[in-house]
Protein backbone atom coordinates (compact mmCIF):
# COMPACT_ATOMS: atom_id res chain seq x y z
CA MET A 1 113.34 84.81 73.74
CA ASP A 2 111.66 82.22 75.83
CA TYR A 3 110.38 83.13 79.44
CA PRO A 4 109.43 79.52 81.14
CA VAL A 5 106.64 80.34 83.54
CA ARG A 6 105.59 77.93 86.36
CA THR A 7 104.00 80.39 88.92
CA THR A 8 101.96 83.61 88.50
CA GLU A 9 104.63 85.29 90.47
CA GLN A 10 107.13 84.76 87.58
CA LEU A 11 104.47 85.80 85.05
CA THR A 12 104.05 89.18 87.07
CA HIS A 13 107.76 89.82 86.46
CA ILE A 14 107.66 88.75 82.98
CA LEU A 15 104.91 90.92 82.16
CA LYS A 16 106.14 94.17 83.76
CA GLY A 17 109.75 93.53 82.45
CA VAL A 18 108.62 92.86 78.91
CA ARG A 19 106.37 96.09 78.85
CA SER A 20 109.11 98.11 80.42
CA GLN A 21 111.62 96.83 77.90
CA LYS A 22 109.32 97.58 75.08
CA LYS A 23 109.07 101.18 76.62
CA MET A 24 105.22 100.86 76.96
CA SER A 25 102.94 102.08 79.54
CA GLN A 26 100.17 100.11 80.96
CA GLU A 27 97.77 102.72 79.10
CA ALA A 28 99.49 102.21 75.97
CA VAL A 29 99.13 98.32 76.33
CA GLY A 30 95.46 98.87 77.19
CA ALA A 31 95.01 101.11 74.08
CA VAL A 32 96.02 98.45 71.83
CA ILE A 33 93.50 95.93 73.04
CA GLY A 34 90.78 98.04 74.15
CA MET A 35 91.37 97.80 77.98
CA LYS A 36 91.66 100.37 80.74
CA GLN A 37 94.95 100.95 82.28
CA GLU A 38 93.43 99.90 85.58
CA ALA A 39 92.60 96.19 84.06
CA VAL A 40 96.35 96.03 82.92
CA SER A 41 97.53 97.07 86.01
CA THR A 42 95.39 94.33 87.80
CA LEU A 43 96.22 91.71 85.33
CA GLU A 44 100.16 92.39 85.96
CA ARG A 45 99.59 92.26 89.75
CA SER A 46 97.60 89.30 89.72
CA PRO A 47 97.61 87.38 86.50
CA GLY A 48 96.15 84.17 88.13
CA ALA A 49 92.90 86.22 88.81
CA SER A 50 92.49 87.07 85.23
CA SER A 51 90.71 85.29 82.46
CA VAL A 52 92.95 83.44 80.01
CA ASP A 53 91.42 85.72 76.98
CA ARG A 54 92.51 88.76 78.92
CA LEU A 55 95.96 87.34 79.43
CA LEU A 56 96.35 86.39 75.88
CA SER A 57 95.34 89.74 74.85
CA VAL A 58 98.05 91.51 77.11
CA LEU A 59 100.41 89.12 75.51
CA SER A 60 99.33 89.89 72.03
CA ALA A 61 99.77 93.66 72.87
CA LEU A 62 103.31 92.96 73.86
CA GLY A 63 104.25 91.05 70.97
CA MET A 64 104.37 87.74 72.75
CA GLU A 65 102.56 84.33 72.56
CA LEU A 66 101.66 81.71 74.93
CA VAL A 67 103.25 78.30 74.30
CA VAL A 68 102.58 74.97 76.19
CA ARG A 69 105.00 72.47 76.21
CA ASP A 70 106.31 69.45 78.05
CA ILE A 71 108.99 69.98 80.96
CA PRO A 72 112.13 68.49 80.21
CA LYS A 73 113.03 65.68 82.44
CA THR A 74 116.15 66.93 84.19
CA GLY A 75 115.59 65.61 87.51
CA THR A 76 112.85 65.81 90.28
CA THR A 77 110.14 68.36 89.89
CA SER A 78 108.37 69.84 92.89
CA ARG A 79 104.74 69.62 92.57
CA GLY A 80 104.64 72.98 94.37
CA GLU A 81 105.71 74.73 91.06
CA TRP A 82 102.41 73.85 89.55
């Protein structure tokens, strides 16, 4: 399933939601990638303050990947979404 993300708040909800769907604790995600539970928690709460490397590691542990693509032209796009 694709999860379009345009804000860090959306990413927070997606990370927590997918982890919950997979019935993984923050500790379990951290164990897969060698990260402490506290670091996973911090990344979930504030993904914009984390490095891309850490974000990619957590996504990988959740069986997800980052995809960058053009936004479809369906009307006007608010600059505030970026």
